Amino acid sequence: LLMGLVLMIMNAVIAKKRNFPTEAATPFSQMPRVT
């Protein structure tokens, strides 16, 4: 989990710097089906 956390922190930093795109938010009504 620590390895995943540090990688996500670095991805967030780079994403902000390079202005990476976001994905369309999944509606909360669909979360039960996806889960």
Full PDB file with SEQRES, HELIX, SHEET, SSBOND, CRYST1, ORIGX, SCALE, CONECT and MASTER records, all heavy atoms in Angstrom:
SEQRES   1 A   35  LEU LEU MET GLY LEU VAL LEU MET ILE MET ASN ALA VAL          
SEQRES   2 A   35  ILE ALA LYS LYS ARG ASN PHE PRO THR GLU ALA ALA THR          
SEQRES   3 A   35  PRO PHE SER GLN MET PRO ARG VAL THR                          
HELIX    1 AA1 LEU A    2  ARG A   18  1                                  17    
HELIX    2 AA2 PHE A   28  GLN A   30  5                                   3    
HELIX    3 AA3 MET A   31  VAL A   34  1                                   4    
CRYST1    1.000    1.000    1.000  90.00  90.00  90.00 P 1           1          
ORIGX1      1.000000  0.000000  0.000000        0.00000                         
ORIGX2      0.000000  1.000000  0.000000        0.00000                         
ORIGX3      0.000000  0.000000  1.000000        0.00000                         
SCALE1      1.000000  0.000000  0.000000        0.00000                         
SCALE2      0.000000  1.000000  0.000000        0.00000                         
SCALE3      0.000000  0.000000  1.000000        0.00000                         
ATOM      1  N   LEU A   1       0.830  -1.211   0.000  1.00  0.00           N  
ATOM      2  CA  LEU A   1       0.000   0.000   0.000  1.00  0.00           C  
ATOM      3  C   LEU A   1       0.862   1.258   0.000  1.00  0.00           C  
ATOM      4  O   LEU A   1       0.519   2.256  -0.656  1.00  0.00           O  
ATOM      5  CB  LEU A   1      -0.924  -0.002   1.219  1.00  0.00           C  
ATOM      6  CG  LEU A   1      -2.007  -1.095   1.241  1.00  0.00           C  
ATOM      7  CD1 LEU A   1      -2.782  -1.049   2.549  1.00  0.00           C  
ATOM      8  CD2 LEU A   1      -2.959  -0.937   0.054  1.00  0.00           C  
ATOM      9  N   LEU A   2       1.991   1.222   0.722  1.00  0.00           N  
ATOM     10  CA  LEU A   2       2.908   2.365   0.725  1.00  0.00           C  
ATOM     11  C   LEU A   2       3.462   2.614  -0.672  1.00  0.00           C  
ATOM     12  O   LEU A   2       3.541   3.775  -1.124  1.00  0.00           O  
ATOM     13  CB  LEU A   2       4.052   2.117   1.710  1.00  0.00           C  
ATOM     14  CG  LEU A   2       5.166   3.174   1.729  1.00  0.00           C  
ATOM     15  CD1 LEU A   2       4.616   4.529   2.176  1.00  0.00           C  
ATOM     16  CD2 LEU A   2       6.322   2.733   2.632  1.00  0.00           C  
ATOM     17  N   MET A   3       3.836   1.541  -1.361  1.00  0.00           N  
ATOM     18  CA  MET A   3       4.348   1.686  -2.728  1.00  0.00           C  
ATOM     19  C   MET A   3       3.288   2.294  -3.642  1.00  0.00           C  
ATOM     20  O   MET A   3       3.574   3.184  -4.458  1.00  0.00           O  
ATOM     21  CB  MET A   3       4.799   0.323  -3.259  1.00  0.00           C  
ATOM     22  CG  MET A   3       6.023  -0.246  -2.537  1.00  0.00           C  
ATOM     23  SD  MET A   3       6.313  -1.982  -2.907  1.00  0.00           S  
ATOM     24  CE  MET A   3       6.854  -1.899  -4.626  1.00  0.00           C  
ATOM     25  N   GLY A   4       2.039   1.835  -3.498  1.00  0.00           N  
ATOM     26  CA  GLY A   4       0.960   2.411  -4.297  1.00  0.00           C  
ATOM     27  C   GLY A   4       0.749   3.880  -3.976  1.00  0.00           C  
ATOM     28  O   GLY A   4       0.533   4.700  -4.881  1.00  0.00           O  
ATOM     29  N   LEU A   5       0.849   4.240  -2.691  1.00  0.00           N  
ATOM     30  CA  LEU A   5       0.646   5.635  -2.279  1.00  0.00           C  
ATOM     31  C   LEU A   5       1.708   6.552  -2.872  1.00  0.00           C  
ATOM     32  O   LEU A   5       1.377   7.625  -3.413  1.00  0.00           O  
ATOM     33  CB  LEU A   5       0.655   5.724  -0.747  1.00  0.00           C  
ATOM     34  CG  LEU A   5       0.548   7.133  -0.160  1.00  0.00           C  
ATOM     35  CD1 LEU A   5      -0.784   7.772  -0.524  1.00  0.00           C  
ATOM     36  CD2 LEU A   5       0.715   7.099   1.365  1.00  0.00           C  
ATOM     37  N   VAL A   6       2.980   6.172  -2.787  1.00  0.00           N  
ATOM     38  CA  VAL A   6       4.035   7.054  -3.292  1.00  0.00           C  
ATOM     39  C   VAL A   6       3.943   7.199  -4.815  1.00  0.00           C  
ATOM     40  O   VAL A   6       4.235   8.269  -5.369  1.00  0.00           O  
ATOM     41  CB  VAL A   6       5.442   6.580  -2.861  1.00  0.00           C  
ATOM     42  CG1 VAL A   6       5.577   6.580  -1.351  1.00  0.00           C  
ATOM     43  CG2 VAL A   6       5.800   5.212  -3.437  1.00  0.00           C  
ATOM     44  N   LEU A   7       3.513   6.134  -5.490  1.00  0.00           N  
ATOM     45  CA  LEU A   7       3.353   6.225  -6.944  1.00  0.00           C  
ATOM     46  C   LEU A   7       2.190   7.145  -7.304  1.00  0.00           C  
ATOM     47  O   LEU A   7       2.273   7.920  -8.268  1.00  0.00           O  
ATOM     48  CB  LEU A   7       3.127   4.834  -7.542  1.00  0.00           C  
ATOM     49  CG  LEU A   7       4.317   3.879  -7.511  1.00  0.00           C  
ATOM     50  CD1 LEU A   7       3.941   2.515  -8.084  1.00  0.00           C  
ATOM     51  CD2 LEU A   7       5.515   4.444  -8.280  1.00  0.00           C  
ATOM     52  N   MET A   8       1.110   7.085  -6.530  1.00  0.00           N  
ATOM     53  CA  MET A   8      -0.032   7.959  -6.802  1.00  0.00           C  
ATOM     54  C   MET A   8       0.317   9.416  -6.520  1.00  0.00           C  
ATOM     55  O   MET A   8      -0.135  10.323  -7.238  1.00  0.00           O  
ATOM     56  CB  MET A   8      -1.243   7.519  -5.968  1.00  0.00           C  
ATOM     57  CG  MET A   8      -1.814   6.179  -6.401  1.00  0.00           C  
ATOM     58  SD  MET A   8      -3.305   5.695  -5.503  1.00  0.00           S  
ATOM     59  CE  MET A   8      -4.540   6.721  -6.301  1.00  0.00           C  
ATOM     60  N   ILE A   9       1.119   9.664  -5.489  1.00  0.00           N  
ATOM     61  CA  ILE A   9       1.568  11.035  -5.210  1.00  0.00           C  
ATOM     62  C   ILE A   9       2.382  11.567  -6.379  1.00  0.00           C  
ATOM     63  O   ILE A   9       2.169  12.700  -6.846  1.00  0.00           O  
ATOM     64  CB  ILE A   9       2.386  11.075  -3.901  1.00  0.00           C  
ATOM     65  CG1 ILE A   9       1.475  10.813  -2.697  1.00  0.00           C  
ATOM     66  CG2 ILE A   9       3.103  12.419  -3.753  1.00  0.00           C  
ATOM     67  CD1 ILE A   9       2.229  10.643  -1.395  1.00  0.00           C  
ATOM     68  N   MET A  10       3.305  10.751  -6.888  1.00  0.00           N  
ATOM     69  CA  MET A  10       4.129  11.199  -8.009  1.00  0.00           C  
ATOM     70  C   MET A  10       3.281  11.401  -9.264  1.00  0.00           C  
ATOM     71  O   MET A  10       3.470  12.377 -10.008  1.00  0.00           O  
ATOM     72  CB  MET A  10       5.234  10.168  -8.275  1.00  0.00           C  
ATOM     73  CG  MET A  10       6.149  10.530  -9.448  1.00  0.00           C  
ATOM     74  SD  MET A  10       6.851  12.197  -9.337  1.00  0.00           S  
ATOM     75  CE  MET A  10       7.896  12.031  -7.889  1.00  0.00           C  
ATOM     76  N   ASN A  11       2.313  10.517  -9.496  1.00  0.00           N  
ATOM     77  CA  ASN A  11       1.435  10.678 -10.657  1.00  0.00           C  
ATOM     78  C   ASN A  11       0.625  11.962 -10.551  1.00  0.00           C  
ATOM     79  O   ASN A  11       0.439  12.676 -11.547  1.00  0.00           O  
ATOM     80  CB  ASN A  11       0.498   9.474 -10.773  1.00  0.00           C  
ATOM     81  CG  ASN A  11      -0.475   9.605 -11.927  1.00  0.00           C  
ATOM     82  OD1 ASN A  11      -0.091   9.620 -13.089  1.00  0.00           O  
ATOM     83  ND2 ASN A  11      -1.759   9.725 -11.615  1.00  0.00           N  
ATOM     84  N   ALA A  12       0.152  12.282  -9.330  1.00  0.00           N  
ATOM     85  CA  ALA A  12      -0.626  13.510  -9.136  1.00  0.00           C  
ATOM     86  C   ALA A  12       0.224  14.744  -9.413  1.00  0.00           C  
ATOM     87  O   ALA A  12      -0.237  15.712 -10.045  1.00  0.00           O  
ATOM     88  CB  ALA A  12      -1.183  13.556  -7.710  1.00  0.00           C  
ATOM     89  N   VAL A  13       1.479  14.724  -8.956  1.00  0.00           N  
ATOM     90  CA  VAL A  13       2.382  15.855  -9.181  1.00  0.00           C  
ATOM     91  C   VAL A  13       2.643  16.042 -10.678  1.00  0.00           C  
ATOM     92  O   VAL A  13       2.563  17.159 -11.218  1.00  0.00           O  
ATOM     93  CB  VAL A  13       3.711  15.648  -8.419  1.00  0.00           C  
ATOM     94  CG1 VAL A  13       4.734  16.710  -8.828  1.00  0.00           C  
ATOM     95  CG2 VAL A  13       3.472  15.688  -6.919  1.00  0.00           C  
ATOM     96  N   ILE A  14       2.954  14.941 -11.358  1.00  0.00           N  
ATOM     97  CA  ILE A  14       3.244  15.022 -12.795  1.00  0.00           C  
ATOM     98  C   ILE A  14       1.985  15.406 -13.574  1.00  0.00           C  
ATOM     99  O   ILE A  14       2.051  16.184 -14.541  1.00  0.00           O  
ATOM    100  CB  ILE A  14       3.809  13.678 -13.294  1.00  0.00           C  
ATOM    101  CG1 ILE A  14       5.159  13.399 -12.632  1.00  0.00           C  
ATOM    102  CG2 ILE A  14       3.964  13.684 -14.819  1.00  0.00           C  
ATOM    103  CD1 ILE A  14       5.751  12.030 -12.967  1.00  0.00           C  
ATOM    104  N   ALA A  15       0.821  14.876 -13.168  1.00  0.00           N  
ATOM    105  CA  ALA A  15      -0.430  15.182 -13.865  1.00  0.00           C  
ATOM    106  C   ALA A  15      -0.741  16.671 -13.806  1.00  0.00           C  
ATOM    107  O   ALA A  15      -1.186  17.272 -14.791  1.00  0.00           O  
ATOM    108  CB  ALA A  15      -1.572  14.374 -13.245  1.00  0.00           C  
ATOM    109  N   LYS A  16      -0.499  17.268 -12.639  1.00  0.00           N  
ATOM    110  CA  LYS A  16      -0.737  18.711 -12.499  1.00  0.00           C  
ATOM    111  C   LYS A  16       0.240  19.507 -13.350  1.00  0.00           C  
ATOM    112  O   LYS A  16      -0.137  20.489 -14.009  1.00  0.00           O  
ATOM    113  CB  LYS A  16      -0.624  19.109 -11.025  1.00  0.00           C  
ATOM    114  CG  LYS A  16      -0.935  20.575 -10.767  1.00  0.00           C  
ATOM    115  CD  LYS A  16      -0.893  20.908  -9.282  1.00  0.00           C  
ATOM    116  CE  LYS A  16      -1.234  22.373  -9.031  1.00  0.00           C  
ATOM    117  NZ  LYS A  16      -1.188  22.719  -7.587  1.00  0.00           N  
ATOM    118  N   LYS A  17       1.492  19.071 -13.350  1.00  0.00           N  
ATOM    119  CA  LYS A  17       2.531  19.778 -14.099  1.00  0.00           C  
ATOM    120  C   LYS A  17       2.284  19.694 -15.607  1.00  0.00           C  
ATOM    121  O   LYS A  17       2.482  20.680 -16.334  1.00  0.00           O  
ATOM    122  CB  LYS A  17       3.900  19.185 -13.755  1.00  0.00           C  
ATOM    123  CG  LYS A  17       5.066  19.860 -14.429  1.00  0.00           C  
ATOM    124  CD  LYS A  17       6.388  19.240 -13.994  1.00  0.00           C  
ATOM    125  CE  LYS A  17       7.573  19.895 -14.695  1.00  0.00           C  
ATOM    126  NZ  LYS A  17       8.866  19.264 -14.299  1.00  0.00           N  
ATOM    127  N   ARG A  18       1.853  18.526 -16.087  1.00  0.00           N  
ATOM    128  CA  ARG A  18       1.668  18.323 -17.535  1.00  0.00           C  
ATOM    129  C   ARG A  18       0.216  18.502 -17.970  1.00  0.00           C  
ATOM    130  O   ARG A  18      -0.108  18.305 -19.141  1.00  0.00           O  
ATOM    131  CB  ARG A  18       2.153  16.923 -17.928  1.00  0.00           C  
ATOM    132  CG  ARG A  18       3.617  16.666 -17.604  1.00  0.00           C  
ATOM    133  CD  ARG A  18       4.054  15.321 -18.169  1.00  0.00           C  
ATOM    134  NE  ARG A  18       5.393  14.952 -17.710  1.00  0.00           N  
ATOM    135  CZ  ARG A  18       6.016  13.832 -18.071  1.00  0.00           C  
ATOM    136  NH1 ARG A  18       5.433  12.981 -18.909  1.00  0.00           N  
ATOM    137  NH2 ARG A  18       7.222  13.558 -17.597  1.00  0.00           N  
ATOM    138  N   ASN A  19      -0.657  18.822 -17.003  1.00  0.00           N  
ATOM    139  CA  ASN A  19      -2.072  19.042 -17.306  1.00  0.00           C  
ATOM    140  C   ASN A  19      -2.707  17.823 -17.975  1.00  0.00           C  
ATOM    141  O   ASN A  19      -3.372  17.921 -19.002  1.00  0.00           O  
ATOM    142  CB  ASN A  19      -2.247  20.280 -18.204  1.00  0.00           C  
ATOM    143  CG  ASN A  19      -3.684  20.784 -18.208  1.00  0.00           C  
ATOM    144  OD1 ASN A  19      -4.392  20.629 -17.221  1.00  0.00           O  
ATOM    145  ND2 ASN A  19      -4.100  21.356 -19.310  1.00  0.00           N  
ATOM    146  N   PHE A  20      -2.523  16.666 -17.374  1.00  0.00           N  
ATOM    147  CA  PHE A  20      -3.129  15.442 -17.886  1.00  0.00           C  
ATOM    148  C   PHE A  20      -4.652  15.536 -17.750  1.00  0.00           C  
ATOM    149  O   PHE A  20      -5.171  16.230 -16.867  1.00  0.00           O  
ATOM    150  CB  PHE A  20      -2.632  14.217 -17.127  1.00  0.00           C  
ATOM    151  CG  PHE A  20      -1.223  13.803 -17.501  1.00  0.00           C  
ATOM    152  CD1 PHE A  20      -0.435  13.125 -16.592  1.00  0.00           C  
ATOM    153  CD2 PHE A  20      -0.707  14.070 -18.750  1.00  0.00           C  
ATOM    154  CE1 PHE A  20       0.848  12.726 -16.921  1.00  0.00           C  
ATOM    155  CE2 PHE A  20       0.578  13.683 -19.095  1.00  0.00           C  
ATOM    156  CZ  PHE A  20       1.358  13.006 -18.178  1.00  0.00           C  
ATOM    157  N   PRO A  21      -5.393  14.809 -18.595  1.00  0.00           N  
ATOM    158  CA  PRO A  21      -6.867  14.891 -18.566  1.00  0.00           C  
ATOM    159  C   PRO A  21      -7.475  14.129 -17.396  1.00  0.00           C  
ATOM    160  O   PRO A  21      -6.829  13.281 -16.774  1.00  0.00           O  
ATOM    161  CB  PRO A  21      -7.275  14.239 -19.891  1.00  0.00           C  
ATOM    162  CG  PRO A  21      -6.167  13.266 -20.182  1.00  0.00           C  
ATOM    163  CD  PRO A  21      -4.914  13.931 -19.684  1.00  0.00           C  
ATOM    164  N   THR A  22      -8.723  14.452 -17.103  1.00  0.00           N  
ATOM    165  CA  THR A  22      -9.526  13.675 -16.145  1.00  0.00           C  
ATOM    166  C   THR A  22     -10.513  12.821 -16.940  1.00  0.00           C  
ATOM    167  O   THR A  22     -10.800  13.105 -18.105  1.00  0.00           O  
ATOM    168  CB  THR A  22     -10.306  14.583 -15.190  1.00  0.00           C  
ATOM    169  OG1 THR A  22     -11.146  15.442 -15.973  1.00  0.00           O  
ATOM    170  CG2 THR A  22      -9.360  15.434 -14.362  1.00  0.00           C  
ATOM    171  N   GLU A  23     -11.026  11.779 -16.319  1.00  0.00           N  
ATOM    172  CA  GLU A  23     -12.019  10.932 -16.975  1.00  0.00           C  
ATOM    173  C   GLU A  23     -13.411  11.338 -16.506  1.00  0.00           C  
ATOM    174  O   GLU A  23     -13.575  11.974 -15.463  1.00  0.00           O  
ATOM    175  CB  GLU A  23     -11.761   9.451 -16.632  1.00  0.00           C  
ATOM    176  CG  GLU A  23     -10.349   8.991 -16.935  1.00  0.00           C  
ATOM    177  CD  GLU A  23      -9.939   9.248 -18.370  1.00  0.00           C  
ATOM    178  OE1 GLU A  23     -10.687   8.840 -19.278  1.00  0.00           O  
ATOM    179  OE2 GLU A  23      -8.877   9.861 -18.588  1.00  0.00           O  
ATOM    180  N   ALA A  24     -14.396  10.969 -17.294  1.00  0.00           N  
ATOM    181  CA  ALA A  24     -15.773  11.266 -16.922  1.00  0.00           C  
ATOM    182  C   ALA A  24     -16.109  10.552 -15.619  1.00  0.00           C  
ATOM    183  O   ALA A  24     -15.847   9.359 -15.467  1.00  0.00           O  
ATOM    184  CB  ALA A  24     -16.725  10.815 -18.031  1.00  0.00           C  
ATOM    185  N   ALA A  25     -16.662  11.310 -14.671  1.00  0.00           N  
ATOM    186  CA  ALA A  25     -16.984  10.731 -13.365  1.00  0.00           C  
ATOM    187  C   ALA A  25     -18.107   9.716 -13.498  1.00  0.00           C  
ATOM    188  O   ALA A  25     -19.108   9.954 -14.175  1.00  0.00           O  
ATOM    189  CB  ALA A  25     -17.382  11.836 -12.394  1.00  0.00           C  
ATOM    190  N   THR A  26     -17.931   8.562 -12.878  1.00  0.00           N  
ATOM    191  CA  THR A  26     -18.974   7.532 -12.867  1.00  0.00           C  
ATOM    192  C   THR A  26     -20.082   7.963 -11.913  1.00  0.00           C  
ATOM    193  O   THR A  26     -19.821   8.257 -10.745  1.00  0.00           O  
ATOM    194  CB  THR A  26     -18.395   6.181 -12.393  1.00  0.00           C  
ATOM    195  OG1 THR A  26     -17.337   5.798 -13.266  1.00  0.00           O  
ATOM    196  CG2 THR A  26     -19.463   5.105 -12.380  1.00  0.00           C  
ATOM    197  N   PRO A  27     -21.318   8.030 -12.404  1.00  0.00           N  
ATOM    198  CA  PRO A  27     -22.425   8.423 -11.514  1.00  0.00           C  
ATOM    199  C   PRO A  27     -22.520   7.476 -10.316  1.00  0.00           C  
ATOM    200  O   PRO A  27     -22.299   6.266 -10.448  1.00  0.00           O  
ATOM    201  CB  PRO A  27     -23.661   8.293 -12.417  1.00  0.00           C  
ATOM    202  CG  PRO A  27     -23.135   8.388 -13.811  1.00  0.00           C  
ATOM    203  CD  PRO A  27     -21.768   7.777 -13.780  1.00  0.00           C  
ATOM    204  N   PHE A  28     -22.854   8.041  -9.168  1.00  0.00           N  
ATOM    205  CA  PHE A  28     -22.951   7.219  -7.962  1.00  0.00           C  
ATOM    206  C   PHE A  28     -24.023   6.143  -8.106  1.00  0.00           C  
ATOM    207  O   PHE A  28     -23.940   5.084  -7.475  1.00  0.00           O  
ATOM    208  CB  PHE A  28     -23.240   8.108  -6.745  1.00  0.00           C  
ATOM    209  CG  PHE A  28     -22.053   8.910  -6.300  1.00  0.00           C  
ATOM    210  CD1 PHE A  28     -21.981  10.271  -6.527  1.00  0.00           C  
ATOM    211  CD2 PHE A  28     -20.981   8.280  -5.665  1.00  0.00           C  
ATOM    212  CE1 PHE A  28     -20.877  11.004  -6.127  1.00  0.00           C  
ATOM    213  CE2 PHE A  28     -19.876   9.013  -5.254  1.00  0.00           C  
ATOM    214  CZ  PHE A  28     -19.813  10.380  -5.484  1.00  0.00           C  
ATOM    215  N   SER A  29     -25.011   6.391  -8.959  1.00  0.00           N  
ATOM    216  CA  SER A  29     -26.071   5.395  -9.158  1.00  0.00           C  
ATOM    217  C   SER A  29     -25.546   4.119  -9.824  1.00  0.00           C  
ATOM    218  O   SER A  29     -26.143   3.047  -9.700  1.00  0.00           O  
ATOM    219  CB  SER A  29     -27.193   5.993 -10.007  1.00  0.00           C  
ATOM    220  OG  SER A  29     -26.695   6.389 -11.279  1.00  0.00           O  
ATOM    221  N   GLN A  30     -24.396   4.247 -10.551  1.00  0.00           N  
ATOM    222  CA  GLN A  30     -23.834   3.082 -11.231  1.00  0.00           C  
ATOM    223  C   GLN A  30     -22.791   2.347 -10.389  1.00  0.00           C  
ATOM    224  O   GLN A  30     -22.356   1.258 -10.748  1.00  0.00           O  
ATOM    225  CB  GLN A  30     -23.196   3.509 -12.564  1.00  0.00           C  
ATOM    226  CG  GLN A  30     -24.186   4.036 -13.582  1.00  0.00           C  
ATOM    227  CD  GLN A  30     -23.502   4.381 -14.899  1.00  0.00           C  
ATOM    228  OE1 GLN A  30     -22.399   3.915 -15.188  1.00  0.00           O  
ATOM    229  NE2 GLN A  30     -24.167   5.204 -15.712  1.00  0.00           N  
ATOM    230  N   MET A  31     -22.371   2.959  -9.280  1.00  0.00           N  
ATOM    231  CA  MET A  31     -21.328   2.347  -8.459  1.00  0.00           C  
ATOM    232  C   MET A  31     -21.701   0.957  -7.938  1.00  0.00           C  
ATOM    233  O   MET A  31     -20.867   0.046  -7.955  1.00  0.00           O  
ATOM    234  CB  MET A  31     -20.969   3.271  -7.299  1.00  0.00           C  
ATOM    235  CG  MET A  31     -20.110   4.456  -7.695  1.00  0.00           C  
ATOM    236  SD  MET A  31     -18.486   3.983  -8.328  1.00  0.00           S  
ATOM    237  CE  MET A  31     -17.741   3.242  -6.874  1.00  0.00           C  
ATOM    238  N   PRO A  32     -22.939   0.740  -7.468  1.00  0.00           N  
ATOM    239  CA  PRO A  32     -23.273  -0.615  -7.004  1.00  0.00           C  
ATOM    240  C   PRO A  32     -23.115  -1.675  -8.085  1.00  0.00           C  
ATOM    241  O   PRO A  32     -22.621  -2.780  -7.816  1.00  0.00           O  
ATOM    242  CB  PRO A  32     -24.741  -0.481  -6.559  1.00  0.00           C  
ATOM    243  CG  PRO A  32     -24.894   0.962  -6.211  1.00  0.00           C  
ATOM    244  CD  PRO A  32     -24.029   1.696  -7.185  1.00  0.00           C  
ATOM    245  N   ARG A  33     -23.512  -1.357  -9.336  1.00  0.00           N  
ATOM    246  CA  ARG A  33     -23.389  -2.332 -10.419  1.00  0.00           C  
ATOM    247  C   ARG A  33     -21.932  -2.623 -10.731  1.00  0.00           C  
ATOM    248  O   ARG A  33     -21.531  -3.788 -10.897  1.00  0.00           O  
ATOM    249  CB  ARG A  33     -24.100  -1.809 -11.682  1.00  0.00           C  
ATOM    250  CG  ARG A  33     -23.996  -2.754 -12.888  1.00  0.00           C  
ATOM    251  CD  ARG A  33     -24.679  -2.145 -14.107  1.00  0.00           C  
ATOM    252  NE  ARG A  33     -24.093  -0.879 -14.481  1.00  0.00           N  
ATOM    253  CZ  ARG A  33     -22.971  -0.763 -15.203  1.00  0.00           C  
ATOM    254  NH1 ARG A  33     -22.307  -1.850 -15.600  1.00  0.00           N  
ATOM    255  NH2 ARG A  33     -22.506   0.438 -15.500  1.00  0.00           N  
ATOM    256  N   VAL A  34     -21.094  -1.560 -10.816  1.00  0.00           N  
ATOM    257  CA  VAL A  34     -19.675  -1.734 -11.105  1.00  0.00           C  
ATOM    258  C   VAL A  34     -18.994  -2.537  -9.995  1.00  0.00           C  
ATOM    259  O   VAL A  34     -18.184  -3.430 -10.258  1.00  0.00           O  
ATOM    260  CB  VAL A  34     -18.988  -0.357 -11.278  1.00  0.00           C  
ATOM    261  CG1 VAL A  34     -17.483  -0.532 -11.440  1.00  0.00           C  
ATOM    262  CG2 VAL A  34     -19.567   0.378 -12.488  1.00  0.00           C  
ATOM    263  N   THR A  35     -19.354  -2.214  -8.759  1.00  0.00           N  
ATOM    264  CA  THR A  35     -18.762  -2.929  -7.617  1.00  0.00           C  
ATOM    265  C   THR A  35     -19.184  -4.387  -7.607  1.00  0.00           C  
ATOM    266  O   THR A  35     -18.369  -5.277  -7.345  1.00  0.00           O  
ATOM    267  CB  THR A  35     -19.174  -2.256  -6.296  1.00  0.00           C  
ATOM    268  OG1 THR A  35     -18.788  -0.879  -6.335  1.00  0.00           O  
ATOM    269  CG2 THR A  35     -18.500  -2.934  -5.108  1.00  0.00           C  
TER     270      THR A  35                                                      
MASTER        0    0    0    3    0    0    0    6  269    1    0    3          
END                                                                             
